Amino acid sequence: MTTEFLAAEVNSPTHGFRSYVESLLAVLAETPDRPVITTADGREVTAGEFRDSVYRMARELSGWGIGRGSTVSLLSGNRPEALTARYAANLLGARAVFLYQGMAPETLAHIAESVDTELLLIDPDLPDATESLLARARPPYVLSFGPGPHGQDLLARAARHEPRPVRSAARPEDDWCIRHTGGTTGVPKGVRMAHGPYQDMLAFGSLGAGEPPRFLACTTLAHVAGNIADATFLAGGSVVLQHAFDPGEVLAAVERERITHLWLLPPLIYRLLDHPGLAGTDLSSVQRITYGGCAASPTRLRQAHEAFGAVLFGGYGQSEAGHITVIGPDEHRNMSPEGQATVGRVIPGVEVVIHDERGAPVPVGSVGEIRVRSGQAMTGYWKQPGLTAEVLRDGWVHTGDLGYLDHQGYLYLVDRLKDMIIVVGGHVYTSELEDLLLTHPAVAHCAAFGVRRADAGEEVHVAVVPAPEHSLDLDRLRGFVTRHKGAMYAPTGLHLVTEIPLTPVGKPDKKRIRAVLGA
């Protein structure tokens, strides 16, 4: 396979579009000696080194036939090369697909095959995951981020190239990635995300995160942490990488590295709040903690506001619809500890309506499906025109989320349509039940889920992690639910667990909970 590359000369864009990668590389070029990445083992990478590595890798990938319309899939941990490779592929006009660590090998293989992967890039530090994937799916080419048993060493090959600038081949309508849903309810769906909308969405990524921002990537770069890393670089900031989320290591890194910005799903915020090292950690550098991705407890958000200060920025978004709402620090200060936590107000340029199951608008305060119209919406689902037509209708994304708007324009999420538990007498919204349980002093974490009976009916079950130094009386907890929400919400099954398992992107993994509990 030749690696001779002439794209800098032949890919001159005549369409007038500047991709997010070109914008990012231009910022890096301004201060080449400035450290922009600190790896998990403490190594620093300068802006100039990082920029050069993107150009070198783009030249190498082009030699393998990667260009506009190609698919490059990545199976990698949080290492600089995961960013370098994505930027290089996107610069060439190729789409990136992220294979999340922790997904079942069969699911990873299905994703790799379904997106027509031409080149698979693997992390040599993930030999077991790589072995399992390649045993089930073998793309035409496999390269490795360093020496290893699978594929040639991409880094060594790329180092042979001169870091001459490479012009972008991407157009605004081209996919920059196919992002797959979490897969907690079945095989993940591939959401096609275009360059044009992504460029616009990055403007929200690092606002209020410091000048310049310093972001701690303690969750996978394959998801939101990767987006915030992009926004951080564009804002002239730097990124500190960690292999995975560990509350003690996160707190230590915040103090040691003077972190200004964190992205955390609500369950991870709770783990920080419960960690004994929190009280002794210097958090004075933190200016923004962004959270989202799943429902949040108002009780715990109030605790977070008291612990971290006025730094919380919540929001609601979907891969299918983009960024939808935002809630800032002042609104957290006034958040009621009871009821539901709002996800904020709709951001400029986005429209939200609430419709009932017949498609009719509902009154203010009434629950219905959230529908969104936005320039950030997905192009569609990869190779699923029927499902695309079902979700994208007349310019509106039918989110599948249930919620309501109040008279002040605040949006409240009630549940996913598919997460409702249908019981005798009506519907149980799992997030409402979880919010209630988290107000109980003996409950640290919980996850509510439905279990189907032999007669096809459903029962309400809850996995509960006791709060430190508290004992849980399950009968009393069931009575607590009955008093506050009625018998319909009273769990048939209450399960004491030591932790709530999370999906690879950090959401409660209810499919796994059912399997572990035999429910």
Protein backbone atom coordinates (compact mmCIF):
# COMPACT_ATOMS: atom_id res chain seq x y z
CA MET A 1 0.00 0.00 0.00
CA THR A 2 1.55 3.30 -1.10
CA THR A 3 1.65 6.25 1.26
CA GLU A 4 2.46 8.92 -1.34
CA PHE A 5 0.06 11.77 -0.76
CA LEU A 6 -0.85 14.73 -2.95
CA ALA A 7 -4.14 15.79 -1.34
CA ALA A 8 -2.73 19.16 -0.34
CA GLU A 9 -2.51 19.96 -4.03
CA VAL A 10 -5.59 18.17 -5.45
CA ASN A 11 -8.11 18.68 -2.67
CA SER A 12 -8.17 22.45 -2.81
CA PRO A 13 -11.68 23.38 -1.65
CA THR A 14 -13.67 25.50 -4.06
CA HIS A 15 -16.86 25.29 -2.02
CA GLY A 16 -15.93 27.98 0.51
CA PHE A 17 -16.52 25.77 3.57
CA ARG A 18 -14.06 25.76 6.46
CA SER A 19 -14.37 22.64 8.58
CA TYR A 20 -14.03 22.52 12.35
CA VAL A 21 -10.70 20.72 11.92
CA GLU A 22 -9.24 23.55 9.83
CA SER A 23 -10.42 26.09 12.42
CA LEU A 24 -8.90 24.05 15.23
CA LEU A 25 -5.56 23.60 13.44
CA ALA A 26 -5.41 27.35 12.78
CA VAL A 27 -5.72 28.03 16.52
CA LEU A 28 -2.97 25.51 17.27
CA ALA A 29 -0.69 27.21 14.74
CA GLU A 30 -0.90 30.54 16.60
CA THR A 31 1.10 29.34 19.64
CA PRO A 32 3.03 26.20 18.62
CA ASP A 33 5.07 25.98 21.85
CA ARG A 34 2.02 26.02 24.15
CA PRO A 35 1.19 22.65 25.83
CA VAL A 36 -2.32 21.64 24.76
CA ILE A 37 -2.57 18.00 25.90
CA THR A 38 -1.46 16.31 29.10
CA THR A 39 -1.67 12.54 28.74
CA ALA A 40 -2.84 10.15 31.44
CA ASP A 41 0.79 9.36 32.25
CA GLY A 42 1.74 13.04 32.55
CA ARG A 43 3.39 13.64 29.15
CA GLU A 44 2.78 17.05 27.58
CA VAL A 45 2.08 17.60 23.88
CA THR A 46 2.57 21.08 22.42
CA ALA A 47 0.23 22.73 19.95
CA GLY A 48 2.84 22.50 17.20
CA GLU A 49 3.48 18.79 17.81
CA PHE A 50 -0.22 18.06 17.85
CA ARG A 51 -0.91 20.01 14.66
CA ASP A 52 1.97 18.32 12.85
CA SER A 53 0.75 14.89 13.94
CA VAL A 54 -2.66 15.55 12.37
CA TYR A 55 -1.09 16.48 9.03
CA ARG A 56 1.29 13.51 9.10
CA MET A 57 -1.50 11.10 9.91
CA ALA A 58 -3.77 12.58 7.22
CA ARG A 59 -1.07 11.94 4.64
CA GLU A 60 -0.65 8.38 5.85
CA LEU A 61 -4.39 7.64 5.89
CA SER A 62 -4.74 9.02 2.37
CA GLY A 63 -2.19 6.47 1.23
CA TRP A 64 -4.57 3.74 2.40
CA GLY A 65 -7.31 5.10 0.19
CA ILE A 66 -9.08 7.11 2.86
CA GLY A 67 -10.90 10.13 1.49
CA ARG A 68 -14.26 11.78 1.15
CA GLY A 69 -17.01 9.24 1.88
CA SER A 70 -14.73 6.68 3.57
CA THR A 71 -15.43 5.24 7.01
CA VAL A 72 -12.67 5.05 9.63
CA SER A 73 -13.62 3.22 12.83
CA LEU A 74 -11.69 3.70 16.08
CA LEU A 75 -11.38 1.39 19.08
CA SER A 76 -9.28 3.37 21.52
CA GLY A 77 -8.89 4.62 25.04
CA ASN A 78 -8.29 8.25 26.00
CA ARG A 79 -5.01 8.89 24.23
CA PRO A 80 -3.95 11.83 22.02
CA GLU A 81 -3.88 9.62 18.93
CA ALA A 82 -7.65 9.06 19.20
CA LEU A 83 -8.08 12.79 18.59
CA THR A 84 -5.31 13.02 16.00
CA ALA A 85 -6.81 10.18 13.95
CA ARG A 86 -10.31 11.63 14.04
CA TYR A 87 -9.09 15.05 12.95
CA ALA A 88 -6.99 13.50 10.17
CA ALA A 89 -9.89 11.39 8.89
CA ASN A 90 -12.29 14.34 9.01
CA LEU A 91 -9.76 16.55 7.24
CA LEU A 92 -9.73 14.06 4.37
CA GLY A 93 -13.53 14.10 4.23
CA ALA A 94 -13.90 10.67 5.82
CA ARG A 95 -16.38 9.92 8.60
CA ALA A 96 -15.30 8.65 12.01
CA VAL A 97 -17.08 5.90 13.93
CA PHE A 98 -16.34 5.30 17.60
CA LEU A 99 -16.43 1.78 19.02
CA TYR A 100 -17.08 2.16 22.73
CA GLN A 101 -15.08 0.09 25.17
CA GLY A 102 -17.42 -2.01 27.27
CA MET A 103 -19.90 -2.83 24.52
CA ALA A 104 -20.46 -6.50 23.81
CA PRO A 105 -18.09 -7.87 21.13
CA GLU A 106 -21.08 -8.86 18.98
CA THR A 107 -22.38 -5.29 19.11
CA LEU A 108 -18.99 -3.82 18.21
CA ALA A 109 -18.70 -6.22 15.28
CA HIS A 110 -22.21 -5.33 14.10
CA ILE A 111 -21.37 -1.61 14.19
CA ALA A 112 -18.03 -2.03 12.39
CA GLU A 113 -19.62 -4.06 9.61
CA SER A 114 -22.80 -2.00 9.27
CA VAL A 115 -20.94 1.28 8.67
CA ASP A 116 -18.75 -0.23 5.92
CA THR A 117 -15.51 0.27 7.83
CA GLU A 118 -12.61 0.58 5.40
CA LEU A 119 -9.94 1.18 8.03
CA LEU A 120 -9.99 0.12 11.68
CA LEU A 121 -7.67 1.96 14.06
CA ILE A 122 -6.95 0.14 17.31
CA ASP A 123 -5.33 0.89 20.64
CA PRO A 124 -2.52 -1.60 21.41
CA ASP A 125 -3.40 -1.24 25.11
CA LEU A 126 -6.77 -2.93 24.42
CA PRO A 127 -5.68 -6.39 23.23
CA ASP A 128 -8.67 -8.33 24.57
CA ALA A 129 -11.26 -6.00 23.05
CA THR A 130 -9.37 -6.02 19.76
CA GLU A 131 -9.12 -9.82 19.69
CA SER A 132 -12.84 -10.17 20.36
CA LEU A 133 -13.75 -7.66 17.67
CA LEU A 134 -11.46 -9.04 14.98
CA ALA A 135 -12.70 -12.56 15.64
CA ARG A 136 -16.14 -11.39 14.52
CA ALA A 137 -15.44 -8.63 11.99
CA ARG A 138 -12.36 -7.97 9.86
CA PRO A 139 -12.29 -4.65 7.97
CA PRO A 140 -10.07 -4.41 4.87
CA TYR A 141 -7.29 -2.63 6.77
CA VAL A 142 -6.25 -2.54 10.44
CA LEU A 143 -3.65 -0.15 11.86
CA SER A 144 -2.46 0.27 15.43
CA PHE A 145 -1.61 3.33 17.54
CA GLY A 146 1.84 1.91 18.20
CA PRO A 147 3.50 -1.51 17.96
CA GLY A 148 1.27 -4.48 18.69
CA PRO A 149 0.06 -7.85 17.43
CA HIS A 150 -2.69 -6.45 15.20
CA GLY A 151 -1.99 -4.25 12.21
CA GLN A 152 0.95 -2.11 11.26
CA ASP A 153 2.17 0.70 13.51
CA LEU A 154 0.30 3.76 12.28
CA LEU A 155 2.36 6.17 14.38
CA ALA A 156 5.66 4.92 12.96
CA ARG A 157 4.33 5.09 9.42
CA ALA A 158 2.89 8.59 9.89
CA ALA A 159 6.16 9.87 11.39
CA ARG A 160 7.86 9.34 8.00
CA HIS A 161 5.77 12.10 6.40
CA GLU A 162 6.55 15.79 6.34
CA PRO A 163 3.92 17.80 8.30
CA ARG A 164 2.93 19.91 5.29
CA PRO A 165 -0.56 21.41 5.58
CA VAL A 166 -3.43 19.41 4.15
CA ARG A 167 -6.49 21.19 2.79
CA SER A 168 -9.84 19.85 3.90
CA ALA A 169 -11.94 17.82 1.48
CA ALA A 170 -15.01 17.91 3.76
CA ARG A 171 -18.23 19.59 2.69
CA PRO A 172 -20.84 20.89 5.15
CA GLU A 173 -23.28 18.10 4.27
CA ASP A 174 -20.70 15.31 4.74
CA ASP A 175 -20.76 13.13 7.87
CA TRP A 176 -18.04 14.01 10.33
CA CYS A 177 -19.10 10.96 12.34
CA ILE A 178 -21.70 8.29 12.80
CA ARG A 179 -22.48 8.23 16.51
CA HIS A 180 -24.25 5.17 17.82
CA THR A 181 -26.86 5.28 20.54
CA GLY A 182 -26.03 3.67 23.87
CA GLY A 183 -27.51 0.33 22.95
CA THR A 184 -29.13 -0.26 26.36
CA THR A 185 -32.38 -1.37 24.72
CA GLY A 186 -31.04 -3.25 21.71
CA VAL A 187 -28.61 -2.88 18.80
CA PRO A 188 -27.37 0.74 18.63
CA LYS A 189 -28.64 2.99 15.86
CA GLY A 190 -26.11 4.96 13.80
CA VAL A 191 -26.81 8.70 13.92
CA ARG A 192 -25.32 10.58 10.97
CA MET A 193 -23.87 13.94 12.07
CA ALA A 194 -22.79 16.48 9.43
CA HIS A 195 -19.84 18.88 9.43
CA GLY A 196 -21.90 22.05 9.00
CA PRO A 197 -24.13 21.67 12.07
CA TYR A 198 -21.22 20.40 14.16
CA GLN A 199 -19.17 23.48 13.42
CA ASP A 200 -22.04 25.62 14.75
CA MET A 201 -22.66 23.44 17.81
CA LEU A 202 -19.07 23.73 19.03
CA ALA A 203 -19.69 27.39 19.88
CA PHE A 204 -21.46 26.24 23.06
CA GLY A 205 -18.77 23.84 24.20
CA SER A 206 -16.48 25.93 26.41
CA LEU A 207 -18.40 29.09 27.27
CA GLY A 208 -17.77 30.08 30.87
CA ALA A 209 -15.02 27.49 31.29
CA GLY A 210 -12.15 29.87 31.89
CA GLU A 211 -9.73 31.94 29.82
CA PRO A 212 -8.17 29.80 28.55
CA PRO A 213 -10.18 26.69 29.51
CA ARG A 214 -8.45 23.60 30.91
CA PHE A 215 -10.68 20.57 30.43
CA LEU A 216 -10.35 17.23 32.23
CA ALA A 217 -11.42 14.39 29.93
CA CYS A 218 -12.25 11.71 32.50
CA THR A 219 -14.94 10.03 30.38
CA THR A 220 -14.50 8.56 26.92
CA LEU A 221 -13.31 10.82 24.10
CA ALA A 222 -15.62 8.79 21.88
CA HIS A 223 -18.61 10.71 23.21
CA VAL A 224 -19.32 14.18 24.69
CA ALA A 225 -15.84 14.56 26.21
CA GLY A 226 -14.46 14.46 22.67
CA ASN A 227 -16.80 17.25 21.59
CA ILE A 228 -15.77 19.40 24.55
CA ALA A 229 -12.11 18.70 23.77
CA ASP A 230 -12.73 20.12 20.28
CA ALA A 231 -14.38 23.22 21.72
CA THR A 232 -11.55 23.62 24.24
CA PHE A 233 -8.88 23.60 21.53
CA LEU A 234 -10.90 26.09 19.47
CA ALA A 235 -11.03 28.39 22.51
CA GLY A 236 -7.25 28.28 22.88
CA GLY A 237 -7.36 25.93 25.86
CA SER A 238 -5.81 22.64 26.87
CA VAL A 239 -7.01 19.11 27.66
CA VAL A 240 -5.91 16.75 30.42
CA LEU A 241 -6.61 13.08 29.70
CA GLN A 242 -7.50 10.32 32.14
CA HIS A 243 -8.01 6.68 31.21
CA ALA A 244 -11.41 6.45 32.90
CA PHE A 245 -13.53 8.02 35.60
CA ASP A 246 -12.36 7.38 39.14
CA PRO A 247 -13.67 9.88 41.72
CA GLY A 248 -10.46 10.01 43.76
CA GLU A 249 -8.28 10.44 40.67
CA VAL A 250 -10.60 13.10 39.27
CA LEU A 251 -10.41 15.14 42.47
CA ALA A 252 -6.64 14.79 42.57
CA ALA A 253 -6.33 15.90 38.94
CA VAL A 254 -8.59 18.91 39.47
CA GLU A 255 -6.31 20.16 42.24
CA ARG A 256 -3.00 19.19 40.63
CA GLU A 257 -3.76 20.35 37.07
CA ARG A 258 -5.85 23.42 37.99
CA ILE A 259 -8.78 22.15 35.95
CA THR A 260 -11.40 24.73 34.95
CA HIS A 261 -13.92 22.51 33.16
CA LEU A 262 -15.42 19.06 33.78
CA TRP A 263 -18.05 17.13 31.84
CA LEU A 264 -19.91 14.57 33.99
CA LEU A 265 -23.08 12.57 33.73
CA PRO A 266 -25.24 12.97 36.86
CA PRO A 267 -24.31 9.53 38.32
CA LEU A 268 -20.65 10.58 38.19
CA ILE A 269 -21.40 13.85 39.98
CA TYR A 270 -23.01 11.78 42.73
CA ARG A 271 -19.86 9.66 43.04
CA LEU A 272 -17.75 12.79 43.49
CA LEU A 273 -20.16 14.09 46.14
CA ASP A 274 -19.93 10.79 48.03
CA HIS A 275 -16.15 10.54 47.89
CA PRO A 276 -14.41 11.16 51.25
CA GLY A 277 -11.69 13.21 49.57
CA LEU A 278 -14.05 15.90 48.31
CA ALA A 279 -13.94 18.07 51.43
CA GLY A 280 -10.14 18.29 51.36
CA THR A 281 -9.79 19.04 47.64
CA ASP A 282 -8.93 22.52 46.35
CA LEU A 283 -11.71 23.19 43.82
CA SER A 284 -10.98 26.89 43.38
CA SER A 285 -9.86 26.50 39.74
CA VAL A 286 -13.17 24.97 38.60
CA GLN A 287 -15.32 27.42 36.67
CA ARG A 288 -17.68 25.08 34.88
CA ILE A 289 -19.08 21.60 35.47
CA THR A 290 -21.23 20.62 32.52
CA TYR A 291 -23.64 17.74 33.02
CA GLY A 292 -26.34 15.99 31.04
CA GLY A 293 -27.00 12.73 29.23
CA CYS A 294 -29.57 11.34 31.65
CA ALA A 295 -32.01 12.50 34.32
CA ALA A 296 -30.60 14.34 37.33
CA SER A 297 -31.88 14.44 40.91
CA PRO A 298 -32.73 17.97 42.13
CA THR A 299 -31.69 16.96 45.65
CA ARG A 300 -28.25 15.93 44.51
CA LEU A 301 -27.90 18.95 42.20
CA ARG A 302 -28.51 21.20 45.20
CA GLN A 303 -25.80 19.27 47.05
CA ALA A 304 -23.48 19.73 44.07
CA HIS A 305 -24.16 23.45 44.00
CA GLU A 306 -23.28 23.70 47.68
CA ALA A 307 -20.13 21.59 47.26
CA PHE A 308 -18.73 23.04 44.02
CA GLY A 309 -20.20 26.54 44.01
CA ALA A 310 -21.90 28.41 41.18
CA VAL A 311 -20.31 26.37 38.39
CA LEU A 312 -23.04 23.95 37.28
CA PHE A 313 -24.27 24.11 33.69
CA GLY A 314 -26.91 21.55 32.81
CA GLY A 315 -28.52 20.89 29.51
CA TYR A 316 -30.54 18.59 27.37
CA GLY A 317 -29.58 17.31 23.97
CA GLN A 318 -29.68 14.31 21.71
CA SER A 319 -27.39 12.96 19.05
CA GLU A 320 -30.41 13.13 16.75
CA ALA A 321 -31.37 16.73 17.61
CA GLY A 322 -28.20 18.43 18.87
CA HIS A 323 -28.03 20.87 21.78
CA ILE A 324 -31.55 21.82 22.92
CA THR A 325 -31.60 23.54 26.34
CA VAL A 326 -29.29 25.01 28.96
CA ILE A 327 -29.56 25.82 32.68
CA GLY A 328 -26.95 27.95 34.41
CA PRO A 329 -25.48 28.33 37.90
CA ASP A 330 -27.97 30.89 39.22
CA GLU A 331 -30.87 28.62 38.34
CA HIS A 332 -29.26 25.80 40.33
CA ARG A 333 -29.05 28.07 43.36
CA ASN A 334 -32.85 28.42 43.35
CA MET A 335 -33.66 24.81 42.42
CA SER A 336 -36.25 23.16 44.64
CA PRO A 337 -34.99 19.98 46.33
CA GLU A 338 -38.34 18.34 45.63
CA GLY A 339 -40.06 17.41 42.40
CA GLN A 340 -38.18 17.27 39.14
CA ALA A 341 -35.08 19.11 38.03
CA THR A 342 -35.57 21.30 35.00
CA VAL A 343 -33.14 20.90 32.10
CA GLY A 344 -33.40 24.62 31.43
CA ARG A 345 -34.67 26.87 28.70
CA VAL A 346 -34.45 26.30 24.97
CA ILE A 347 -31.33 27.82 23.41
CA PRO A 348 -31.55 30.41 20.60
CA GLY A 349 -32.14 28.97 17.15
CA VAL A 350 -33.93 25.85 18.45
CA GLU A 351 -37.68 25.25 18.58
CA VAL A 352 -39.39 22.85 20.98
CA VAL A 353 -43.03 21.76 21.01
CA ILE A 354 -44.83 19.19 23.17
CA HIS A 355 -47.36 16.96 21.40
CA ASP A 356 -49.64 14.17 22.54
CA GLU A 357 -49.71 10.69 21.02
CA ARG A 358 -52.13 11.89 18.32
CA GLY A 359 -49.74 14.66 17.29
CA ALA A 360 -51.74 17.52 18.80
CA PRO A 361 -50.07 20.26 20.91
CA VAL A 362 -50.68 19.94 24.65
CA PRO A 363 -51.35 22.79 27.12
CA VAL A 364 -48.51 24.32 29.13
CA GLY A 365 -47.66 22.01 32.02
CA SER A 366 -49.01 18.88 30.31
CA VAL A 367 -46.77 15.91 29.49
CA GLY A 368 -46.21 14.85 25.91
CA GLU A 369 -43.48 13.89 23.46
CA ILE A 370 -40.75 16.51 22.97
CA ARG A 371 -40.27 17.48 19.35
CA VAL A 372 -37.38 19.63 18.19
CA ARG A 373 -36.56 21.67 15.10
CA SER A 374 -32.94 22.74 14.84
CA GLY A 375 -30.12 23.28 12.38
CA GLN A 376 -28.10 20.83 14.48
CA ALA A 377 -30.37 17.88 13.69
CA MET A 378 -28.92 14.65 12.35
CA THR A 379 -28.90 13.87 8.65
CA GLY A 380 -30.64 10.59 9.46
CA TYR A 381 -29.91 7.07 10.67
CA TRP A 382 -27.24 5.21 8.73
CA LYS A 383 -28.89 2.88 6.20
CA GLN A 384 -32.25 2.99 8.02
CA PRO A 385 -34.55 5.15 5.86
CA GLY A 386 -37.69 3.78 7.49
CA LEU A 387 -36.54 4.66 10.99
CA THR A 388 -35.26 8.03 9.76
CA ALA A 389 -38.68 8.83 8.31
CA GLU A 390 -40.27 7.85 11.61
CA VAL A 391 -38.06 10.15 13.70
CA LEU A 392 -37.49 13.03 11.24
CA ARG A 393 -40.82 14.36 10.04
CA ASP A 394 -41.40 17.68 8.32
CA GLY A 395 -38.19 19.07 9.75
CA TRP A 396 -38.99 18.02 13.32
CA VAL A 397 -37.06 15.46 15.37
CA HIS A 398 -39.46 13.24 17.33
CA THR A 399 -37.18 12.68 20.30
CA GLY A 400 -39.03 9.84 22.02
CA ASP A 401 -38.60 11.77 25.27
CA LEU A 402 -41.56 12.74 27.42
CA GLY A 403 -41.64 16.13 29.09
CA TYR A 404 -43.44 19.41 29.59
CA LEU A 405 -42.84 23.16 29.44
CA ASP A 406 -43.87 25.42 32.31
CA HIS A 407 -45.15 28.99 32.07
CA GLN A 408 -41.61 30.40 32.32
CA GLY A 409 -40.38 28.34 29.40
CA TYR A 410 -38.44 25.80 31.46
CA LEU A 411 -38.39 22.28 30.03
CA TYR A 412 -38.81 19.26 32.31
CA LEU A 413 -38.01 15.70 31.24
CA VAL A 414 -40.33 13.02 32.55
CA ASP A 415 -39.04 9.89 30.85
CA ARG A 416 -38.20 8.10 27.65
CA LEU A 417 -41.27 6.74 25.88
CA LYS A 418 -39.66 3.30 26.02
CA ASP A 419 -38.66 3.66 29.67
CA MET A 420 -42.21 4.02 30.89
CA ILE A 421 -43.39 1.06 32.92
CA ILE A 422 -46.95 0.19 31.99
CA VAL A 423 -48.73 -1.08 35.08
CA VAL A 424 -52.32 -1.69 36.06
CA GLY A 425 -53.83 1.75 36.43
CA GLY A 426 -51.45 3.74 34.24
CA HIS A 427 -47.81 4.58 33.53
CA VAL A 428 -44.89 4.74 35.95
CA TYR A 429 -42.20 7.20 34.89
CA THR A 430 -38.88 5.77 36.05
CA SER A 431 -37.17 9.16 36.37
CA GLU A 432 -39.94 10.46 38.65
CA LEU A 433 -39.53 7.42 40.89
CA GLU A 434 -35.73 7.80 40.94
CA ASP A 435 -36.01 11.50 41.79
CA LEU A 436 -38.27 10.67 44.73
CA LEU A 437 -36.04 7.90 46.08
CA LEU A 438 -32.99 10.17 45.95
CA THR A 439 -34.68 12.52 48.41
CA HIS A 440 -34.61 9.71 50.99
CA PRO A 441 -31.56 10.12 53.27
CA ALA A 442 -30.73 6.41 53.15
CA VAL A 443 -30.52 6.25 49.32
CA ALA A 444 -27.26 7.20 47.58
CA HIS A 445 -27.99 5.91 44.06
CA CYS A 446 -30.84 4.06 42.42
CA ALA A 447 -32.22 2.88 39.09
CA ALA A 448 -35.86 2.02 38.40
CA PHE A 449 -36.79 -0.41 35.65
CA GLY A 450 -39.67 -2.55 34.46
CA VAL A 451 -39.77 -6.34 34.59
CA ARG A 452 -42.19 -8.20 32.35
CA ARG A 453 -44.24 -10.94 33.98
CA ALA A 454 -45.30 -14.21 32.39
CA ASP A 455 -48.71 -12.71 31.66
CA ALA A 456 -47.01 -9.87 29.69
CA GLY A 457 -47.80 -7.32 32.37
CA GLU A 458 -45.01 -5.25 33.94
CA GLU A 459 -43.79 -4.78 37.49
CA VAL A 460 -41.81 -1.90 38.97
CA HIS A 461 -38.36 -2.84 40.26
CA VAL A 462 -35.65 -0.64 41.75
CA ALA A 463 -31.94 -1.27 42.37
CA VAL A 464 -30.79 0.78 45.37
CA VAL A 465 -27.33 1.69 46.70
CA PRO A 466 -27.55 2.64 50.42
CA ALA A 467 -26.08 5.97 51.49
CA PRO A 468 -22.89 5.71 53.60
CA GLU A 469 -23.57 4.91 57.25
CA HIS A 470 -27.27 4.27 56.58
CA SER A 471 -29.19 1.03 56.70
CA LEU A 472 -32.11 0.47 54.38
CA ASP A 473 -35.39 -1.09 55.42
CA LEU A 474 -36.90 -2.09 52.09
CA ASP A 475 -40.45 -2.33 53.41
CA ARG A 476 -40.21 1.20 54.80
CA LEU A 477 -38.74 2.43 51.53
CA ARG A 478 -41.68 0.89 49.68
CA GLY A 479 -44.01 2.64 52.09
CA PHE A 480 -42.17 5.92 51.48
CA VAL A 481 -42.87 5.59 47.75
CA THR A 482 -46.51 4.71 48.34
CA ARG A 483 -47.06 7.74 50.57
CA HIS A 484 -45.58 10.14 48.07
CA LYS A 485 -46.55 8.66 44.70
CA GLY A 486 -49.32 6.15 45.40
CA ALA A 487 -49.57 2.38 45.18
CA MET A 488 -49.06 2.38 41.39
CA TYR A 489 -45.44 3.53 41.90
CA ALA A 490 -44.70 1.18 44.82
CA PRO A 491 -41.93 -1.20 43.67
CA THR A 492 -42.74 -4.89 43.52
CA GLY A 493 -39.03 -5.61 43.70
CA LEU A 494 -36.41 -3.69 45.67
CA HIS A 495 -32.81 -4.84 45.23
CA LEU A 496 -29.90 -3.79 47.43
CA VAL A 497 -26.73 -3.40 45.34
CA THR A 498 -23.27 -1.98 45.97
CA GLU A 499 -23.21 0.13 42.79
CA ILE A 500 -25.31 1.00 39.76
CA PRO A 501 -23.56 -0.28 36.60
CA LEU A 502 -23.17 2.28 33.84
CA THR A 503 -23.10 2.01 30.06
CA PRO A 504 -19.84 2.79 28.24
CA VAL A 505 -20.99 6.42 27.97
CA GLY A 506 -21.89 6.69 31.66
CA LYS A 507 -25.65 6.22 31.85
CA PRO A 508 -27.33 3.70 34.18
CA ASP A 509 -27.25 0.39 32.33
CA LYS A 510 -30.70 -0.98 33.02
CA LYS A 511 -30.29 -3.88 30.63
CA ARG A 512 -27.24 -5.03 32.59
CA ILE A 513 -29.00 -4.44 35.91
CA ARG A 514 -31.82 -6.75 34.81
CA ALA A 515 -29.32 -9.40 33.76
CA VAL A 516 -27.28 -9.22 36.98
CA LEU A 517 -30.37 -9.36 39.17
CA GLY A 518 -32.02 -12.05 37.07
CA ALA A 519 -35.04 -9.76 36.72
